[in-house]
Amino acid sequence: MAALTFDFRSFGLSECGKLGSAEYLHAQDMRAAIQLLRDRGFERIVCMGASMGGTACLNAALEEKLAGLVTIASTAPTNMNKQYPQDLVDPAMPKLFIVTEKDRYAQVVSATSFLYRQSPEPKEFKTFPGTVHGTELFRTPSASEFSDLLMGFLEGIRVAAPPLGATRTRSIDQMMMVYVPAGEFKMGIDREGLDYAMRVCKQYSGGGQMAIATCGQAAFVDEQPMHSVVLDSFWIDRAEVTNE
């Protein structure tokens, strides 16, 4: 798991950059951040933002396929061409909405509640006591609970299994990959399988001394005993790769 944080242009340590409407520039900045992650090989991206950062994440969810969405004291997206939640690229992504009970910007309390109600499942809604806004929650007595909530949400997405047969395109080389779920299989051969392997080996080796040397039980010692192997889930290229 990795994290990328950034300041929108004209905020924090970022320079002013090109002029334009705040909503348009924030959308540009968010798209650039997501593309940077994809270029570096990250496939499953969760957008997490507070205040206008959360609104930017909501806008991003209307344009990008995200693995999850977290908004903290945010208002509705400002995309003029698309509507939330009808135009979500992936309505099935997990969504988490957070706000304090008496946020000093009163409109975000009702806005966060409204966004939660309008959103399709899966979704979560959490309120914390107090009047602070956005990431100021990290400086309150609720900081540990707030942090645990965020990390638990991310961990749930990390370990969640994609649906059977899921595919994805690796951004670095555009190779199609297929999801292999975790599971258990039997490796090696039992006595019946060993007898069959020796018979087939002798049949195709031509018999004689060659068969005795190569098709005896000792030739299959690395295949025994049959045992169970448990593998974690993984992604594998759909097509074979040949290096010439």
C-alpha atoms as a PDB file:
ATOM      1  CA  MET A   1       0.000   0.000   0.000  1.00  0.00           C
ATOM      2  CA  ALA A   2       1.359   3.435  -0.931  1.00  0.00           C
ATOM      3  CA  ALA A   3       0.070   6.986  -0.556  1.00  0.00           C
ATOM      4  CA  LEU A   4       0.390  10.141  -2.637  1.00  0.00           C
ATOM      5  CA  THR A   5      -0.477  13.503  -1.091  1.00  0.00           C
ATOM      6  CA  PHE A   6      -0.372  16.813  -2.913  1.00  0.00           C
ATOM      7  CA  ASP A   7      -1.375  20.457  -2.594  1.00  0.00           C
ATOM      8  CA  PHE A   8      -3.749  21.888  -5.175  1.00  0.00           C
ATOM      9  CA  ARG A   9      -2.233  24.738  -7.152  1.00  0.00           C
ATOM     10  CA  SER A  10      -2.239  28.020  -5.209  1.00  0.00           C
ATOM     11  CA  PHE A  11      -2.495  26.083  -1.926  1.00  0.00           C
ATOM     12  CA  GLY A  12       0.184  24.952   0.500  1.00  0.00           C
ATOM     13  CA  LEU A  13       3.557  24.631  -1.226  1.00  0.00           C
ATOM     14  CA  SER A  14       2.150  24.549  -4.751  1.00  0.00           C
ATOM     15  CA  GLU A  15       2.680  27.477  -7.096  1.00  0.00           C
ATOM     16  CA  CYS A  16      -0.178  29.363  -8.682  1.00  0.00           C
ATOM     17  CA  GLY A  17       0.069  27.748 -12.107  1.00  0.00           C
ATOM     18  CA  LYS A  18      -2.256  28.551 -14.969  1.00  0.00           C
ATOM     19  CA  LEU A  19      -5.311  30.642 -14.301  1.00  0.00           C
ATOM     20  CA  GLY A  20      -8.846  29.355 -14.607  1.00  0.00           C
ATOM     21  CA  SER A  21     -11.832  28.423 -12.477  1.00  0.00           C
ATOM     22  CA  ALA A  22     -10.974  26.673  -9.208  1.00  0.00           C
ATOM     23  CA  GLU A  23     -13.197  23.688 -10.024  1.00  0.00           C
ATOM     24  CA  TYR A  24     -11.553  23.178 -13.419  1.00  0.00           C
ATOM     25  CA  LEU A  25      -8.020  23.515 -12.047  1.00  0.00           C
ATOM     26  CA  HIS A  26      -8.677  21.172  -9.125  1.00  0.00           C
ATOM     27  CA  ALA A  27     -10.063  18.576 -11.541  1.00  0.00           C
ATOM     28  CA  GLN A  28      -6.921  18.919 -13.661  1.00  0.00           C
ATOM     29  CA  ASP A  29      -4.697  18.502 -10.618  1.00  0.00           C
ATOM     30  CA  MET A  30      -6.605  15.418  -9.476  1.00  0.00           C
ATOM     31  CA  ARG A  31      -6.448  13.814 -12.921  1.00  0.00           C
ATOM     32  CA  ALA A  32      -2.704  14.465 -13.029  1.00  0.00           C
ATOM     33  CA  ALA A  33      -2.213  12.853  -9.620  1.00  0.00           C
ATOM     34  CA  ILE A  34      -4.209   9.764 -10.599  1.00  0.00           C
ATOM     35  CA  GLN A  35      -2.352   9.471 -13.901  1.00  0.00           C
ATOM     36  CA  LEU A  36       0.984   9.710 -12.085  1.00  0.00           C
ATOM     37  CA  LEU A  37       0.002   6.742  -9.935  1.00  0.00           C
ATOM     38  CA  ARG A  38      -1.132   4.739 -12.961  1.00  0.00           C
ATOM     39  CA  ASP A  39       2.117   5.534 -14.779  1.00  0.00           C
ATOM     40  CA  ARG A  40       4.003   4.145 -11.799  1.00  0.00           C
ATOM     41  CA  GLY A  41       2.115   0.868 -11.995  1.00  0.00           C
ATOM     42  CA  PHE A  42      -0.582   1.348  -9.370  1.00  0.00           C
ATOM     43  CA  GLU A  43      -3.819  -0.225 -10.587  1.00  0.00           C
ATOM     44  CA  ARG A  44      -6.197   0.124  -7.626  1.00  0.00           C
ATOM     45  CA  ILE A  45      -6.471   3.737  -6.526  1.00  0.00           C
ATOM     46  CA  VAL A  46      -8.546   5.094  -3.647  1.00  0.00           C
ATOM     47  CA  CYS A  47      -9.241   8.821  -3.714  1.00  0.00           C
ATOM     48  CA  MET A  48      -9.440  10.362  -0.250  1.00  0.00           C
ATOM     49  CA  GLY A  49     -10.013  14.058   0.272  1.00  0.00           C
ATOM     50  CA  ALA A  50     -11.206  16.569   2.852  1.00  0.00           C
ATOM     51  CA  SER A  51     -13.282  19.669   2.147  1.00  0.00           C
ATOM     52  CA  MET A  52     -12.578  20.748  -1.456  1.00  0.00           C
ATOM     53  CA  GLY A  53     -10.262  17.714  -1.766  1.00  0.00           C
ATOM     54  CA  GLY A  54     -13.242  15.448  -1.153  1.00  0.00           C
ATOM     55  CA  THR A  55     -15.252  17.322  -3.766  1.00  0.00           C
ATOM     56  CA  ALA A  56     -12.374  16.848  -6.197  1.00  0.00           C
ATOM     57  CA  CYS A  57     -12.440  13.117  -5.421  1.00  0.00           C
ATOM     58  CA  LEU A  58     -16.172  13.021  -6.124  1.00  0.00           C
ATOM     59  CA  ASN A  59     -15.504  14.695  -9.461  1.00  0.00           C
ATOM     60  CA  ALA A  60     -12.726  12.202 -10.177  1.00  0.00           C
ATOM     61  CA  ALA A  61     -15.099   9.297  -9.494  1.00  0.00           C
ATOM     62  CA  LEU A  62     -17.268  10.590 -12.354  1.00  0.00           C
ATOM     63  CA  GLU A  63     -14.294  10.399 -14.738  1.00  0.00           C
ATOM     64  CA  GLU A  64     -12.026   7.637 -13.435  1.00  0.00           C
ATOM     65  CA  LYS A  65     -12.388   4.030 -12.333  1.00  0.00           C
ATOM     66  CA  LEU A  66     -11.437   4.118  -8.656  1.00  0.00           C
ATOM     67  CA  ALA A  67     -11.072   1.317  -6.130  1.00  0.00           C
ATOM     68  CA  GLY A  68     -12.662   3.421  -3.403  1.00  0.00           C
ATOM     69  CA  LEU A  69     -13.773   6.908  -2.384  1.00  0.00           C
ATOM     70  CA  VAL A  70     -13.466   8.805   0.914  1.00  0.00           C
ATOM     71  CA  THR A  71     -14.852  12.304   1.472  1.00  0.00           C
ATOM     72  CA  ILE A  72     -14.409  14.249   4.705  1.00  0.00           C
ATOM     73  CA  ALA A  73     -16.697  17.254   5.169  1.00  0.00           C
ATOM     74  CA  SER A  74     -17.192  17.772   1.447  1.00  0.00           C
ATOM     75  CA  THR A  75     -19.925  19.195  -0.749  1.00  0.00           C
ATOM     76  CA  ALA A  76     -21.413  17.756  -3.939  1.00  0.00           C
ATOM     77  CA  PRO A  77     -19.266  17.416  -7.072  1.00  0.00           C
ATOM     78  CA  THR A  78     -19.179  20.358  -9.448  1.00  0.00           C
ATOM     79  CA  ASN A  79     -18.895  18.543 -12.771  1.00  0.00           C
ATOM     80  CA  MET A  80     -21.292  20.382 -15.074  1.00  0.00           C
ATOM     81  CA  ASN A  81     -21.517  17.520 -17.601  1.00  0.00           C
ATOM     82  CA  LYS A  82     -22.113  14.605 -15.255  1.00  0.00           C
ATOM     83  CA  GLN A  83     -24.343  13.902 -12.292  1.00  0.00           C
ATOM     84  CA  TYR A  84     -23.599  12.151  -9.009  1.00  0.00           C
ATOM     85  CA  PRO A  85     -24.266   9.296  -8.463  1.00  0.00           C
ATOM     86  CA  GLN A  86     -25.822   8.416 -11.847  1.00  0.00           C
ATOM     87  CA  ASP A  87     -22.564   8.889 -13.745  1.00  0.00           C
ATOM     88  CA  LEU A  88     -20.169   7.147 -11.372  1.00  0.00           C
ATOM     89  CA  VAL A  89     -17.680   5.146 -13.430  1.00  0.00           C
ATOM     90  CA  ASP A  90     -17.829   2.335 -10.856  1.00  0.00           C
ATOM     91  CA  PRO A  91     -20.931   2.563  -8.638  1.00  0.00           C
ATOM     92  CA  ALA A  92     -19.870  -0.657  -6.870  1.00  0.00           C
ATOM     93  CA  MET A  93     -16.689   0.829  -5.380  1.00  0.00           C
ATOM     94  CA  PRO A  94     -16.693   1.195  -1.558  1.00  0.00           C
ATOM     95  CA  LYS A  95     -17.547   4.709  -0.368  1.00  0.00           C
ATOM     96  CA  LEU A  96     -16.956   6.373   3.009  1.00  0.00           C
ATOM     97  CA  PHE A  97     -18.460   9.716   4.074  1.00  0.00           C
ATOM     98  CA  ILE A  98     -17.217  11.485   7.210  1.00  0.00           C
ATOM     99  CA  VAL A  99     -18.198  14.753   8.933  1.00  0.00           C
ATOM    100  CA  THR A 100     -18.311  16.227  12.426  1.00  0.00           C
ATOM    101  CA  GLU A 101     -21.724  16.704  14.020  1.00  0.00           C
ATOM    102  CA  LYS A 102     -21.443  20.499  14.093  1.00  0.00           C
ATOM    103  CA  ASP A 103     -18.867  21.308  11.436  1.00  0.00           C
ATOM    104  CA  ARG A 104     -18.275  25.063  11.454  1.00  0.00           C
ATOM    105  CA  TYR A 105     -19.318  25.124   7.808  1.00  0.00           C
ATOM    106  CA  ALA A 106     -22.872  24.046   8.484  1.00  0.00           C
ATOM    107  CA  GLN A 107     -23.681  23.260   4.859  1.00  0.00           C
ATOM    108  CA  VAL A 108     -21.213  20.349   4.707  1.00  0.00           C
ATOM    109  CA  VAL A 109     -23.082  18.437   7.421  1.00  0.00           C
ATOM    110  CA  SER A 110     -26.258  18.261   5.365  1.00  0.00           C
ATOM    111  CA  ALA A 111     -24.262  17.878   2.128  1.00  0.00           C
ATOM    112  CA  THR A 112     -22.312  14.877   3.452  1.00  0.00           C
ATOM    113  CA  SER A 113     -25.491  13.240   4.725  1.00  0.00           C
ATOM    114  CA  PHE A 114     -27.192  13.858   1.382  1.00  0.00           C
ATOM    115  CA  LEU A 115     -24.277  12.393  -0.589  1.00  0.00           C
ATOM    116  CA  TYR A 116     -24.374   9.294   1.590  1.00  0.00           C
ATOM    117  CA  ARG A 117     -28.113   8.802   1.107  1.00  0.00           C
ATOM    118  CA  GLN A 118     -27.825   9.248  -2.654  1.00  0.00           C
ATOM    119  CA  SER A 119     -24.894   6.874  -3.044  1.00  0.00           C
ATOM    120  CA  PRO A 120     -25.341   3.233  -4.032  1.00  0.00           C
ATOM    121  CA  GLU A 121     -24.003   0.447  -1.835  1.00  0.00           C
ATOM    122  CA  PRO A 122     -21.433  -0.335  -0.601  1.00  0.00           C
ATOM    123  CA  LYS A 123     -21.179   2.793   1.525  1.00  0.00           C
ATOM    124  CA  GLU A 124     -20.461   3.946   5.087  1.00  0.00           C
ATOM    125  CA  PHE A 125     -21.317   7.112   6.991  1.00  0.00           C
ATOM    126  CA  LYS A 126     -19.563   8.289  10.140  1.00  0.00           C
ATOM    127  CA  THR A 127     -20.030  11.405  12.269  1.00  0.00           C
ATOM    128  CA  PHE A 128     -17.632  12.558  14.951  1.00  0.00           C
ATOM    129  CA  PRO A 129     -18.377  14.943  17.814  1.00  0.00           C
ATOM    130  CA  GLY A 130     -17.211  18.527  17.580  1.00  0.00           C
ATOM    131  CA  THR A 131     -17.135  21.511  15.266  1.00  0.00           C
ATOM    132  CA  VAL A 132     -13.819  21.020  13.462  1.00  0.00           C
ATOM    133  CA  HIS A 133     -13.601  20.824   9.693  1.00  0.00           C
ATOM    134  CA  GLY A 134     -11.915  18.199   7.530  1.00  0.00           C
ATOM    135  CA  THR A 135      -8.462  16.991   8.540  1.00  0.00           C
ATOM    136  CA  GLU A 136      -8.626  19.070  11.736  1.00  0.00           C
ATOM    137  CA  LEU A 137     -10.099  15.843  13.140  1.00  0.00           C
ATOM    138  CA  PHE A 138      -6.513  14.617  13.503  1.00  0.00           C
ATOM    139  CA  ARG A 139      -6.052  17.215  16.262  1.00  0.00           C
ATOM    140  CA  THR A 140      -9.047  16.191  18.360  1.00  0.00           C
ATOM    141  CA  PRO A 141      -9.685  13.482  20.990  1.00  0.00           C
ATOM    142  CA  SER A 142     -11.271  11.471  18.148  1.00  0.00           C
ATOM    143  CA  ALA A 143      -7.978  11.378  16.216  1.00  0.00           C
ATOM    144  CA  SER A 144      -7.200   7.712  16.899  1.00  0.00           C
ATOM    145  CA  GLU A 145     -10.699   6.548  16.021  1.00  0.00           C
ATOM    146  CA  PHE A 146     -10.641   8.718  12.891  1.00  0.00           C
ATOM    147  CA  SER A 147      -7.278   7.316  11.804  1.00  0.00           C
ATOM    148  CA  ASP A 148      -8.354   3.728  12.511  1.00  0.00           C
ATOM    149  CA  LEU A 149     -11.510   4.249  10.458  1.00  0.00           C
ATOM    150  CA  LEU A 150      -9.509   5.452   7.443  1.00  0.00           C
ATOM    151  CA  MET A 151      -6.908   2.704   7.674  1.00  0.00           C
ATOM    152  CA  GLY A 152      -9.553   0.040   8.194  1.00  0.00           C
ATOM    153  CA  PHE A 153     -11.414   1.231   5.119  1.00  0.00           C
ATOM    154  CA  LEU A 154      -8.227   1.083   3.036  1.00  0.00           C
ATOM    155  CA  GLU A 155      -7.292  -2.336   4.391  1.00  0.00           C
ATOM    156  CA  GLY A 156     -10.734  -3.676   3.532  1.00  0.00           C
ATOM    157  CA  ILE A 157     -10.238  -2.601  -0.063  1.00  0.00           C
ATOM    158  CA  ARG A 158      -6.706  -3.993  -0.163  1.00  0.00           C
ATOM    159  CA  VAL A 159      -7.747  -7.491   0.852  1.00  0.00           C
ATOM    160  CA  ALA A 160     -11.062  -7.564  -1.023  1.00  0.00           C
ATOM    161  CA  ALA A 161     -11.004 -10.126  -3.798  1.00  0.00           C
ATOM    162  CA  PRO A 162     -11.982  -9.028  -7.310  1.00  0.00           C
ATOM    163  CA  PRO A 163     -14.835 -10.982  -8.908  1.00  0.00           C
ATOM    164  CA  LEU A 164     -13.994 -14.329 -10.509  1.00  0.00           C
ATOM    165  CA  GLY A 165     -12.695 -13.841 -14.044  1.00  0.00           C
ATOM    166  CA  ALA A 166     -11.753 -10.189 -13.465  1.00  0.00           C
ATOM    167  CA  THR A 167      -9.236  -8.660 -15.852  1.00  0.00           C
ATOM    168  CA  ARG A 168      -7.191  -5.499 -15.849  1.00  0.00           C
ATOM    169  CA  THR A 169      -4.721  -3.772 -18.133  1.00  0.00           C
ATOM    170  CA  ARG A 170      -1.247  -3.113 -16.770  1.00  0.00           C
ATOM    171  CA  SER A 171      -0.652   0.547 -17.494  1.00  0.00           C
ATOM    172  CA  ILE A 172       3.106   0.312 -17.961  1.00  0.00           C
ATOM    173  CA  ASP A 173       2.895  -1.965 -21.031  1.00  0.00           C
ATOM    174  CA  GLN A 174      -0.865  -2.378 -21.712  1.00  0.00           C
ATOM    175  CA  MET A 175      -0.706  -6.144 -21.080  1.00  0.00           C
ATOM    176  CA  MET A 176      -4.014  -7.808 -20.204  1.00  0.00           C
ATOM    177  CA  MET A 177      -3.906  -9.585 -16.848  1.00  0.00           C
ATOM    178  CA  VAL A 178      -6.288 -12.131 -15.318  1.00  0.00           C
ATOM    179  CA  TYR A 179      -7.090 -12.487 -11.637  1.00  0.00           C
ATOM    180  CA  VAL A 180      -6.317 -15.859 -10.026  1.00  0.00           C
ATOM    181  CA  PRO A 181      -8.122 -16.239  -6.679  1.00  0.00           C
ATOM    182  CA  ALA A 182      -6.494 -17.649  -3.586  1.00  0.00           C
ATOM    183  CA  GLY A 183      -6.930 -21.365  -3.150  1.00  0.00           C
ATOM    184  CA  GLU A 184      -5.506 -24.780  -2.395  1.00  0.00           C
ATOM    185  CA  PHE A 185      -4.394 -27.463  -4.826  1.00  0.00           C
ATOM    186  CA  LYS A 186      -2.618 -30.832  -4.736  1.00  0.00           C
ATOM    187  CA  MET A 187       0.978 -30.892  -5.943  1.00  0.00           C
ATOM    188  CA  GLY A 188       2.849 -34.094  -6.836  1.00  0.00           C
ATOM    189  CA  ILE A 189       1.594 -37.626  -7.466  1.00  0.00           C
ATOM    190  CA  ASP A 190       0.247 -40.466  -5.354  1.00  0.00           C
ATOM    191  CA  ARG A 191       1.027 -44.178  -5.845  1.00  0.00           C
ATOM    192  CA  GLU A 192      -1.535 -44.592  -8.611  1.00  0.00           C
ATOM    193  CA  GLY A 193      -0.212 -41.563 -10.440  1.00  0.00           C
ATOM    194  CA  LEU A 194       3.372 -42.773 -10.039  1.00  0.00           C
ATOM    195  CA  ASP A 195       2.567 -46.168 -11.586  1.00  0.00           C
ATOM    196  CA  TYR A 196       0.853 -44.462 -14.505  1.00  0.00           C
ATOM    197  CA  ALA A 197       3.765 -42.053 -15.041  1.00  0.00           C
ATOM    198  CA  MET A 198       6.293 -44.898 -15.098  1.00  0.00           C
ATOM    199  CA  ARG A 199       4.204 -46.873 -17.602  1.00  0.00           C
ATOM    200  CA  VAL A 200       3.868 -43.889 -19.946  1.00  0.00           C
ATOM    201  CA  CYS A 201       7.590 -43.093 -19.580  1.00  0.00           C
ATOM    202  CA  LYS A 202       8.572 -46.644 -20.547  1.00  0.00           C
ATOM    203  CA  GLN A 203       6.155 -46.601 -23.484  1.00  0.00           C
ATOM    204  CA  TYR A 204       7.656 -43.491 -25.018  1.00  0.00           C
ATOM    205  CA  SER A 205      11.309 -44.111 -24.127  1.00  0.00           C
ATOM    206  CA  GLY A 206      11.516 -47.205 -26.342  1.00  0.00           C
ATOM    207  CA  GLY A 207      12.065 -49.705 -23.551  1.00  0.00           C
ATOM    208  CA  GLY A 208      15.377 -51.383 -22.832  1.00  0.00           C
ATOM    209  CA  GLN A 209      18.117 -49.961 -20.667  1.00  0.00           C
ATOM    210  CA  MET A 210      17.013 -46.389 -21.412  1.00  0.00           C
ATOM    211  CA  ALA A 211      13.627 -47.072 -19.862  1.00  0.00           C
ATOM    212  CA  ILE A 212      15.192 -48.694 -16.815  1.00  0.00           C
ATOM    213  CA  ALA A 213      17.492 -45.728 -16.289  1.00  0.00           C
ATOM    214  CA  THR A 214      14.972 -42.955 -16.814  1.00  0.00           C
ATOM    215  CA  CYS A 215      11.570 -44.384 -15.943  1.00  0.00           C
ATOM    216  CA  GLY A 216      12.087 -45.982 -12.549  1.00  0.00           C
ATOM    217  CA  GLN A 217      10.624 -44.721  -9.304  1.00  0.00           C
ATOM    218  CA  ALA A 218      13.805 -42.773  -8.561  1.00  0.00           C
ATOM    219  CA  ALA A 219      13.155 -40.587 -11.634  1.00  0.00           C
ATOM    220  CA  PHE A 220      10.010 -39.240  -9.982  1.00  0.00           C
ATOM    221  CA  VAL A 221      11.336 -38.712  -6.488  1.00  0.00           C
ATOM    222  CA  ASP A 222      10.820 -34.943  -6.761  1.00  0.00           C
ATOM    223  CA  GLU A 223       7.128 -35.491  -7.466  1.00  0.00           C
ATOM    224  CA  GLN A 224       6.489 -37.181  -4.121  1.00  0.00           C
ATOM    225  CA  PRO A 225       4.768 -37.140  -1.802  1.00  0.00           C
ATOM    226  CA  MET A 226       1.545 -35.550  -2.967  1.00  0.00           C
ATOM    227  CA  HIS A 227       0.873 -32.548  -0.740  1.00  0.00           C
ATOM    228  CA  SER A 228      -1.402 -29.570  -0.432  1.00  0.00           C
ATOM    229  CA  VAL A 229      -0.210 -26.120  -1.500  1.00  0.00           C
ATOM    230  CA  VAL A 230      -2.036 -22.914  -0.570  1.00  0.00           C
ATOM    231  CA  LEU A 231      -1.500 -19.827  -2.736  1.00  0.00           C
ATOM    232  CA  ASP A 232      -2.494 -16.229  -2.150  1.00  0.00           C
ATOM    233  CA  SER A 233      -4.414 -14.512  -4.923  1.00  0.00           C
ATOM    234  CA  PHE A 234      -2.385 -12.991  -7.746  1.00  0.00           C
ATOM    235  CA  TRP A 235      -2.607 -11.449 -11.209  1.00  0.00           C
ATOM    236  CA  ILE A 236      -1.018 -13.141 -14.208  1.00  0.00           C
ATOM    237  CA  ASP A 237      -0.582 -12.106 -17.847  1.00  0.00           C
ATOM    238  CA  ARG A 238      -3.313 -13.579 -20.041  1.00  0.00           C
ATOM    239  CA  ALA A 239      -0.921 -14.230 -22.945  1.00  0.00           C
ATOM    240  CA  GLU A 240       2.461 -15.919 -22.858  1.00  0.00           C
ATOM    241  CA  VAL A 241       5.483 -13.670 -23.247  1.00  0.00           C
ATOM    242  CA  THR A 242       8.346 -14.653 -25.527  1.00  0.00           C
ATOM    243  CA  ASN A 243      11.701 -12.906 -25.437  1.00  0.00           C
ATOM    244  CA  GLU A 244      13.693 -13.197 -28.630  1.00  0.00           C
END
